[in-house]
Amino acid sequence: MTAALLLLGVPAAAITTGAVVHTTARAAARDQRATRHTVPAVLLEDAPSAVPGASGTGDRFPVKVRWGTPGGTDRTGTAKAAADSPRGSTTAVWVGPSGQQASAPMSSGQVASLTAVAVTAGGVLAIALLVTVRGLIRRATDRRRMAEWEQEWSQVGSTWGRHPA
Protein backbone atom coordinates (compact mmCIF):
# COMPACT_ATOMS: atom_id res chain seq x y z
CA MET A 1 0.00 0.00 0.00
CA THR A 2 2.79 2.40 0.93
CA ALA A 3 4.63 1.61 -2.30
CA ALA A 4 1.51 2.34 -4.35
CA LEU A 5 1.02 5.65 -2.57
CA LEU A 6 4.66 6.53 -3.15
CA LEU A 7 4.51 5.60 -6.83
CA LEU A 8 1.21 7.37 -7.51
CA GLY A 9 0.75 9.98 -4.81
CA VAL A 10 4.17 11.59 -4.78
CA PRO A 11 4.33 12.33 -8.52
CA ALA A 12 0.71 13.52 -8.47
CA ALA A 13 1.43 15.89 -5.57
CA ALA A 14 4.62 17.15 -7.19
CA ILE A 15 3.00 17.74 -10.58
CA THR A 16 -0.07 19.42 -9.07
CA THR A 17 2.07 21.71 -6.93
CA GLY A 18 4.26 22.57 -9.89
CA ALA A 19 1.26 23.30 -12.13
CA VAL A 20 -0.32 25.63 -9.57
CA VAL A 21 2.92 27.51 -8.93
CA HIS A 22 3.73 27.73 -12.66
CA THR A 23 0.30 29.14 -13.49
CA THR A 24 0.47 31.65 -10.64
CA ALA A 25 4.05 32.73 -11.38
CA ARG A 26 3.38 33.07 -15.11
CA ALA A 27 0.35 35.27 -14.40
CA ALA A 28 2.39 37.37 -11.95
CA ALA A 29 5.17 37.81 -14.53
CA ARG A 30 2.61 38.84 -17.16
CA ASP A 31 1.10 41.40 -14.76
CA GLN A 32 4.56 42.71 -13.87
CA ARG A 33 5.47 43.14 -17.55
CA ALA A 34 2.21 45.04 -18.11
CA THR A 35 2.67 47.43 -15.17
CA ARG A 36 6.43 47.96 -14.91
CA HIS A 37 8.84 49.75 -17.19
CA THR A 38 12.26 51.36 -17.09
CA VAL A 39 12.93 55.08 -16.86
CA PRO A 40 16.22 56.93 -17.00
CA ALA A 41 17.65 57.77 -13.59
CA VAL A 42 20.44 60.26 -12.89
CA LEU A 43 23.33 59.08 -10.73
CA LEU A 44 23.69 61.16 -7.57
CA GLU A 45 27.18 59.77 -6.92
CA ASP A 46 30.05 58.24 -8.85
CA ALA A 47 29.89 54.49 -9.36
CA PRO A 48 32.83 52.55 -7.90
CA SER A 49 35.66 51.40 -10.13
CA ALA A 50 35.75 47.88 -11.48
CA VAL A 51 37.72 45.41 -9.40
CA PRO A 52 40.81 44.16 -11.27
CA GLY A 53 40.70 40.45 -11.93
CA ALA A 54 36.94 40.24 -11.35
CA SER A 55 34.79 38.30 -13.77
CA GLY A 56 34.09 40.03 -17.04
CA THR A 57 30.31 39.91 -16.65
CA GLY A 58 29.87 43.68 -16.80
CA ASP A 59 30.61 45.06 -13.36
CA ARG A 60 27.60 46.99 -12.07
CA PHE A 61 27.37 48.58 -8.65
CA PRO A 62 24.50 49.97 -6.57
CA VAL A 63 24.47 53.77 -6.50
CA LYS A 64 22.02 56.46 -5.37
CA VAL A 65 19.87 57.72 -8.24
CA ARG A 66 16.99 60.14 -8.93
CA TRP A 67 14.19 59.79 -11.48
CA GLY A 68 10.95 61.57 -12.34
CA THR A 69 7.45 60.17 -11.89
CA PRO A 70 4.44 60.58 -14.20
CA GLY A 71 3.09 63.18 -11.73
CA GLY A 72 6.21 65.31 -12.10
CA THR A 73 7.78 64.65 -8.72
CA ASP A 74 11.28 63.32 -8.25
CA ARG A 75 12.05 60.09 -6.45
CA THR A 76 15.31 58.72 -5.18
CA GLY A 77 16.50 55.20 -4.65
CA THR A 78 19.29 52.80 -5.45
CA ALA A 79 19.98 51.28 -8.85
CA LYS A 80 22.89 49.47 -10.44
CA ALA A 81 25.19 51.44 -12.72
CA ALA A 82 28.21 50.46 -14.78
CA ALA A 83 31.58 50.69 -13.08
CA ASP A 84 33.21 54.13 -13.22
CA SER A 85 29.96 55.86 -14.26
CA PRO A 86 30.28 59.50 -13.17
CA ARG A 87 27.77 61.45 -11.12
CA GLY A 88 25.19 63.00 -13.46
CA SER A 89 25.23 60.13 -15.96
CA THR A 90 22.15 57.97 -16.39
CA THR A 91 21.16 54.38 -15.80
CA ALA A 92 17.83 52.60 -16.05
CA VAL A 93 15.58 51.97 -13.07
CA TRP A 94 12.43 49.82 -13.04
CA VAL A 95 9.29 51.59 -11.83
CA GLY A 96 5.64 50.77 -11.26
CA PRO A 97 2.57 52.68 -12.49
CA SER A 98 2.94 55.60 -10.07
CA GLY A 99 6.70 55.88 -10.52
CA GLN A 100 7.68 53.95 -7.39
CA GLN A 101 10.80 51.83 -7.74
CA ALA A 102 10.09 48.18 -8.51
CA SER A 103 12.06 45.08 -9.32
CA ALA A 104 12.37 43.94 -12.91
CA PRO A 105 9.53 41.67 -14.06
CA MET A 106 10.10 37.96 -13.55
CA SER A 107 11.79 36.33 -16.51
CA SER A 108 10.66 33.04 -18.01
CA GLY A 109 13.78 31.49 -16.45
CA GLN A 110 12.69 32.68 -13.00
CA VAL A 111 9.21 31.25 -13.56
CA ALA A 112 10.79 27.93 -14.58
CA SER A 113 13.05 27.97 -11.50
CA LEU A 114 10.09 28.63 -9.20
CA THR A 115 8.23 25.78 -10.86
CA ALA A 116 11.17 23.39 -10.42
CA VAL A 117 11.46 24.31 -6.74
CA ALA A 118 7.70 23.80 -6.29
CA VAL A 119 7.78 20.38 -7.98
CA THR A 120 10.66 19.29 -5.75
CA ALA A 121 9.05 20.70 -2.61
CA GLY A 122 5.71 19.10 -3.47
CA GLY A 123 7.35 15.70 -3.88
CA VAL A 124 9.41 16.01 -0.69
CA LEU A 125 6.39 17.15 1.33
CA ALA A 126 4.28 14.31 -0.06
CA ILE A 127 6.96 11.80 0.96
CA ALA A 128 7.23 13.39 4.41
CA LEU A 129 3.45 13.22 4.82
CA LEU A 130 3.34 9.56 3.79
CA VAL A 131 6.20 8.62 6.11
CA THR A 132 4.59 10.51 9.01
CA VAL A 133 1.14 8.96 8.48
CA ARG A 134 2.67 5.50 8.10
CA GLY A 135 4.65 6.01 11.32
CA LEU A 136 1.56 7.17 13.23
CA ILE A 137 -0.48 4.20 12.00
CA ARG A 138 2.32 1.80 12.87
CA ARG A 139 2.67 3.33 16.33
CA ALA A 140 -1.07 2.98 16.97
CA THR A 141 -1.17 -0.64 15.80
CA ASP A 142 1.97 -1.49 17.81
CA ARG A 143 0.36 -0.04 20.94
CA ARG A 144 -2.77 -2.06 20.34
CA ARG A 145 -0.76 -5.25 19.79
CA MET A 146 1.28 -4.62 22.94
CA ALA A 147 -1.90 -4.06 24.98
CA GLU A 148 -3.40 -7.30 23.63
CA TRP A 149 -0.16 -9.16 24.32
CA GLU A 150 -0.04 -7.76 27.87
CA GLN A 151 -3.64 -8.87 28.46
CA GLU A 152 -2.98 -12.39 27.14
CA TRP A 153 0.23 -12.63 29.13
CA SER A 154 -1.57 -11.69 32.36
CA GLN A 155 -4.00 -14.57 31.74
CA VAL A 156 -1.35 -17.12 30.73
CA GLY A 157 1.36 -15.95 33.13
CA SER A 158 -0.44 -17.10 36.26
CA THR A 159 -0.58 -20.68 34.97
CA TRP A 160 2.84 -20.68 33.32
CA GLY A 161 5.02 -23.57 34.38
CA ARG A 162 2.29 -25.48 36.26
CA HIS A 163 1.60 -29.03 35.35
CA PRO A 164 -1.83 -30.49 35.79
CA ALA A 165 -1.91 -32.88 38.69
C-alpha atoms as a PDB file:
ATOM      1  CA  MET A   1       0.000   0.000   0.000  1.00  0.00           C
ATOM      2  CA  THR A   2       2.793   2.399   0.926  1.00  0.00           C
ATOM      3  CA  ALA A   3       4.635   1.611  -2.298  1.00  0.00           C
ATOM      4  CA  ALA A   4       1.515   2.340  -4.353  1.00  0.00           C
ATOM      5  CA  LEU A   5       1.022   5.653  -2.568  1.00  0.00           C
ATOM      6  CA  LEU A   6       4.662   6.535  -3.148  1.00  0.00           C
ATOM      7  CA  LEU A   7       4.512   5.596  -6.828  1.00  0.00           C
ATOM      8  CA  LEU A   8       1.215   7.367  -7.512  1.00  0.00           C
ATOM      9  CA  GLY A   9       0.747   9.981  -4.809  1.00  0.00           C
ATOM     10  CA  VAL A  10       4.173  11.585  -4.781  1.00  0.00           C
ATOM     11  CA  PRO A  11       4.330  12.327  -8.525  1.00  0.00           C
ATOM     12  CA  ALA A  12       0.711  13.523  -8.472  1.00  0.00           C
ATOM     13  CA  ALA A  13       1.428  15.888  -5.574  1.00  0.00           C
ATOM     14  CA  ALA A  14       4.621  17.147  -7.194  1.00  0.00           C
ATOM     15  CA  ILE A  15       2.998  17.744 -10.585  1.00  0.00           C
ATOM     16  CA  THR A  16      -0.066  19.422  -9.075  1.00  0.00           C
ATOM     17  CA  THR A  17       2.071  21.711  -6.926  1.00  0.00           C
ATOM     18  CA  GLY A  18       4.255  22.574  -9.895  1.00  0.00           C
ATOM     19  CA  ALA A  19       1.264  23.300 -12.127  1.00  0.00           C
ATOM     20  CA  VAL A  20      -0.324  25.625  -9.569  1.00  0.00           C
ATOM     21  CA  VAL A  21       2.919  27.509  -8.934  1.00  0.00           C
ATOM     22  CA  HIS A  22       3.731  27.728 -12.658  1.00  0.00           C
ATOM     23  CA  THR A  23       0.301  29.143 -13.494  1.00  0.00           C
ATOM     24  CA  THR A  24       0.473  31.649 -10.638  1.00  0.00           C
ATOM     25  CA  ALA A  25       4.054  32.729 -11.380  1.00  0.00           C
ATOM     26  CA  ARG A  26       3.381  33.067 -15.106  1.00  0.00           C
ATOM     27  CA  ALA A  27       0.349  35.274 -14.400  1.00  0.00           C
ATOM     28  CA  ALA A  28       2.393  37.374 -11.951  1.00  0.00           C
ATOM     29  CA  ALA A  29       5.169  37.809 -14.531  1.00  0.00           C
ATOM     30  CA  ARG A  30       2.610  38.841 -17.157  1.00  0.00           C
ATOM     31  CA  ASP A  31       1.102  41.402 -14.756  1.00  0.00           C
ATOM     32  CA  GLN A  32       4.560  42.708 -13.875  1.00  0.00           C
ATOM     33  CA  ARG A  33       5.465  43.135 -17.553  1.00  0.00           C
ATOM     34  CA  ALA A  34       2.209  45.040 -18.106  1.00  0.00           C
ATOM     35  CA  THR A  35       2.668  47.427 -15.172  1.00  0.00           C
ATOM     36  CA  ARG A  36       6.432  47.962 -14.912  1.00  0.00           C
ATOM     37  CA  HIS A  37       8.838  49.749 -17.189  1.00  0.00           C
ATOM     38  CA  THR A  38      12.262  51.357 -17.094  1.00  0.00           C
ATOM     39  CA  VAL A  39      12.930  55.078 -16.864  1.00  0.00           C
ATOM     40  CA  PRO A  40      16.218  56.929 -16.996  1.00  0.00           C
ATOM     41  CA  ALA A  41      17.652  57.774 -13.593  1.00  0.00           C
ATOM     42  CA  VAL A  42      20.436  60.260 -12.887  1.00  0.00           C
ATOM     43  CA  LEU A  43      23.329  59.081 -10.725  1.00  0.00           C
ATOM     44  CA  LEU A  44      23.687  61.164  -7.567  1.00  0.00           C
ATOM     45  CA  GLU A  45      27.176  59.770  -6.923  1.00  0.00           C
ATOM     46  CA  ASP A  46      30.048  58.241  -8.853  1.00  0.00           C
ATOM     47  CA  ALA A  47      29.885  54.489  -9.363  1.00  0.00           C
ATOM     48  CA  PRO A  48      32.830  52.550  -7.904  1.00  0.00           C
ATOM     49  CA  SER A  49      35.660  51.403 -10.130  1.00  0.00           C
ATOM     50  CA  ALA A  50      35.753  47.881 -11.483  1.00  0.00           C
ATOM     51  CA  VAL A  51      37.719  45.410  -9.404  1.00  0.00           C
ATOM     52  CA  PRO A  52      40.810  44.161 -11.273  1.00  0.00           C
ATOM     53  CA  GLY A  53      40.700  40.450 -11.934  1.00  0.00           C
ATOM     54  CA  ALA A  54      36.944  40.237 -11.351  1.00  0.00           C
ATOM     55  CA  SER A  55      34.795  38.296 -13.773  1.00  0.00           C
ATOM     56  CA  GLY A  56      34.086  40.026 -17.045  1.00  0.00           C
ATOM     57  CA  THR A  57      30.314  39.911 -16.652  1.00  0.00           C
ATOM     58  CA  GLY A  58      29.872  43.677 -16.795  1.00  0.00           C
ATOM     59  CA  ASP A  59      30.608  45.060 -13.361  1.00  0.00           C
ATOM     60  CA  ARG A  60      27.601  46.989 -12.065  1.00  0.00           C
ATOM     61  CA  PHE A  61      27.371  48.576  -8.653  1.00  0.00           C
ATOM     62  CA  PRO A  62      24.500  49.966  -6.570  1.00  0.00           C
ATOM     63  CA  VAL A  63      24.469  53.772  -6.500  1.00  0.00           C
ATOM     64  CA  LYS A  64      22.020  56.456  -5.367  1.00  0.00           C
ATOM     65  CA  VAL A  65      19.869  57.724  -8.242  1.00  0.00           C
ATOM     66  CA  ARG A  66      16.990  60.140  -8.931  1.00  0.00           C
ATOM     67  CA  TRP A  67      14.191  59.792 -11.483  1.00  0.00           C
ATOM     68  CA  GLY A  68      10.953  61.565 -12.338  1.00  0.00           C
ATOM     69  CA  THR A  69       7.445  60.174 -11.885  1.00  0.00           C
ATOM     70  CA  PRO A  70       4.438  60.583 -14.197  1.00  0.00           C
ATOM     71  CA  GLY A  71       3.090  63.180 -11.727  1.00  0.00           C
ATOM     72  CA  GLY A  72       6.207  65.312 -12.105  1.00  0.00           C
ATOM     73  CA  THR A  73       7.781  64.646  -8.719  1.00  0.00           C
ATOM     74  CA  ASP A  74      11.280  63.325  -8.250  1.00  0.00           C
ATOM     75  CA  ARG A  75      12.047  60.095  -6.448  1.00  0.00           C
ATOM     76  CA  THR A  76      15.315  58.722  -5.182  1.00  0.00           C
ATOM     77  CA  GLY A  77      16.502  55.203  -4.653  1.00  0.00           C
ATOM     78  CA  THR A  78      19.290  52.799  -5.452  1.00  0.00           C
ATOM     79  CA  ALA A  79      19.982  51.284  -8.851  1.00  0.00           C
ATOM     80  CA  LYS A  80      22.893  49.468 -10.438  1.00  0.00           C
ATOM     81  CA  ALA A  81      25.186  51.435 -12.716  1.00  0.00           C
ATOM     82  CA  ALA A  82      28.207  50.461 -14.776  1.00  0.00           C
ATOM     83  CA  ALA A  83      31.583  50.685 -13.077  1.00  0.00           C
ATOM     84  CA  ASP A  84      33.210  54.128 -13.221  1.00  0.00           C
ATOM     85  CA  SER A  85      29.956  55.860 -14.257  1.00  0.00           C
ATOM     86  CA  PRO A  86      30.279  59.499 -13.172  1.00  0.00           C
ATOM     87  CA  ARG A  87      27.770  61.454 -11.115  1.00  0.00           C
ATOM     88  CA  GLY A  88      25.192  62.999 -13.459  1.00  0.00           C
ATOM     89  CA  SER A  89      25.231  60.126 -15.958  1.00  0.00           C
ATOM     90  CA  THR A  90      22.146  57.965 -16.393  1.00  0.00           C
ATOM     91  CA  THR A  91      21.163  54.382 -15.804  1.00  0.00           C
ATOM     92  CA  ALA A  92      17.825  52.604 -16.052  1.00  0.00           C
ATOM     93  CA  VAL A  93      15.577  51.970 -13.065  1.00  0.00           C
ATOM     94  CA  TRP A  94      12.435  49.816 -13.044  1.00  0.00           C
ATOM     95  CA  VAL A  95       9.290  51.592 -11.828  1.00  0.00           C
ATOM     96  CA  GLY A  96       5.642  50.768 -11.256  1.00  0.00           C
ATOM     97  CA  PRO A  97       2.573  52.678 -12.491  1.00  0.00           C
ATOM     98  CA  SER A  98       2.943  55.604 -10.075  1.00  0.00           C
ATOM     99  CA  GLY A  99       6.696  55.877 -10.520  1.00  0.00           C
ATOM    100  CA  GLN A 100       7.677  53.949  -7.392  1.00  0.00           C
ATOM    101  CA  GLN A 101      10.796  51.828  -7.736  1.00  0.00           C
ATOM    102  CA  ALA A 102      10.092  48.183  -8.513  1.00  0.00           C
ATOM    103  CA  SER A 103      12.064  45.081  -9.318  1.00  0.00           C
ATOM    104  CA  ALA A 104      12.367  43.938 -12.912  1.00  0.00           C
ATOM    105  CA  PRO A 105       9.525  41.674 -14.064  1.00  0.00           C
ATOM    106  CA  MET A 106      10.103  37.965 -13.552  1.00  0.00           C
ATOM    107  CA  SER A 107      11.788  36.327 -16.511  1.00  0.00           C
ATOM    108  CA  SER A 108      10.664  33.040 -18.011  1.00  0.00           C
ATOM    109  CA  GLY A 109      13.775  31.494 -16.448  1.00  0.00           C
ATOM    110  CA  GLN A 110      12.692  32.680 -12.998  1.00  0.00           C
ATOM    111  CA  VAL A 111       9.213  31.248 -13.561  1.00  0.00           C
ATOM    112  CA  ALA A 112      10.795  27.926 -14.583  1.00  0.00           C
ATOM    113  CA  SER A 113      13.048  27.970 -11.500  1.00  0.00           C
ATOM    114  CA  LEU A 114      10.090  28.627  -9.195  1.00  0.00           C
ATOM    115  CA  THR A 115       8.227  25.776 -10.864  1.00  0.00           C
ATOM    116  CA  ALA A 116      11.166  23.392 -10.417  1.00  0.00           C
ATOM    117  CA  VAL A 117      11.455  24.315  -6.736  1.00  0.00           C
ATOM    118  CA  ALA A 118       7.703  23.797  -6.286  1.00  0.00           C
ATOM    119  CA  VAL A 119       7.777  20.376  -7.980  1.00  0.00           C
ATOM    120  CA  THR A 120      10.659  19.294  -5.753  1.00  0.00           C
ATOM    121  CA  ALA A 121       9.053  20.696  -2.606  1.00  0.00           C
ATOM    122  CA  GLY A 122       5.705  19.099  -3.471  1.00  0.00           C
ATOM    123  CA  GLY A 123       7.350  15.701  -3.879  1.00  0.00           C
ATOM    124  CA  VAL A 124       9.407  16.010  -0.693  1.00  0.00           C
ATOM    125  CA  LEU A 125       6.392  17.147   1.330  1.00  0.00           C
ATOM    126  CA  ALA A 126       4.279  14.306  -0.056  1.00  0.00           C
ATOM    127  CA  ILE A 127       6.960  11.798   0.962  1.00  0.00           C
ATOM    128  CA  ALA A 128       7.227  13.393   4.412  1.00  0.00           C
ATOM    129  CA  LEU A 129       3.452  13.221   4.825  1.00  0.00           C
ATOM    130  CA  LEU A 130       3.339   9.556   3.790  1.00  0.00           C
ATOM    131  CA  VAL A 131       6.198   8.619   6.107  1.00  0.00           C
ATOM    132  CA  THR A 132       4.588  10.506   9.007  1.00  0.00           C
ATOM    133  CA  VAL A 133       1.143   8.962   8.483  1.00  0.00           C
ATOM    134  CA  ARG A 134       2.674   5.498   8.101  1.00  0.00           C
ATOM    135  CA  GLY A 135       4.645   6.008  11.316  1.00  0.00           C
ATOM    136  CA  LEU A 136       1.564   7.170  13.226  1.00  0.00           C
ATOM    137  CA  ILE A 137      -0.479   4.204  11.998  1.00  0.00           C
ATOM    138  CA  ARG A 138       2.317   1.802  12.865  1.00  0.00           C
ATOM    139  CA  ARG A 139       2.669   3.328  16.332  1.00  0.00           C
ATOM    140  CA  ALA A 140      -1.073   2.979  16.969  1.00  0.00           C
ATOM    141  CA  THR A 141      -1.166  -0.642  15.798  1.00  0.00           C
ATOM    142  CA  ASP A 142       1.969  -1.489  17.813  1.00  0.00           C
ATOM    143  CA  ARG A 143       0.364  -0.035  20.941  1.00  0.00           C
ATOM    144  CA  ARG A 144      -2.775  -2.056  20.341  1.00  0.00           C
ATOM    145  CA  ARG A 145      -0.760  -5.247  19.794  1.00  0.00           C
ATOM    146  CA  MET A 146       1.282  -4.622  22.937  1.00  0.00           C
ATOM    147  CA  ALA A 147      -1.900  -4.061  24.981  1.00  0.00           C
ATOM    148  CA  GLU A 148      -3.400  -7.299  23.627  1.00  0.00           C
ATOM    149  CA  TRP A 149      -0.158  -9.161  24.319  1.00  0.00           C
ATOM    150  CA  GLU A 150      -0.042  -7.760  27.866  1.00  0.00           C
ATOM    151  CA  GLN A 151      -3.636  -8.868  28.461  1.00  0.00           C
ATOM    152  CA  GLU A 152      -2.981 -12.387  27.140  1.00  0.00           C
ATOM    153  CA  TRP A 153       0.234 -12.633  29.134  1.00  0.00           C
ATOM    154  CA  SER A 154      -1.574 -11.694  32.360  1.00  0.00           C
ATOM    155  CA  GLN A 155      -3.996 -14.575  31.737  1.00  0.00           C
ATOM    156  CA  VAL A 156      -1.347 -17.120  30.735  1.00  0.00           C
ATOM    157  CA  GLY A 157       1.356 -15.946  33.127  1.00  0.00           C
ATOM    158  CA  SER A 158      -0.438 -17.103  36.260  1.00  0.00           C
ATOM    159  CA  THR A 159      -0.580 -20.680  34.972  1.00  0.00           C
ATOM    160  CA  TRP A 160       2.842 -20.685  33.317  1.00  0.00           C
ATOM    161  CA  GLY A 161       5.017 -23.573  34.385  1.00  0.00           C
ATOM    162  CA  ARG A 162       2.285 -25.482  36.262  1.00  0.00           C
ATOM    163  CA  HIS A 163       1.603 -29.026  35.349  1.00  0.00           C
ATOM    164  CA  PRO A 164      -1.825 -30.494  35.795  1.00  0.00           C
ATOM    165  CA  ALA A 165      -1.914 -32.876  38.692  1.00  0.00           C
END
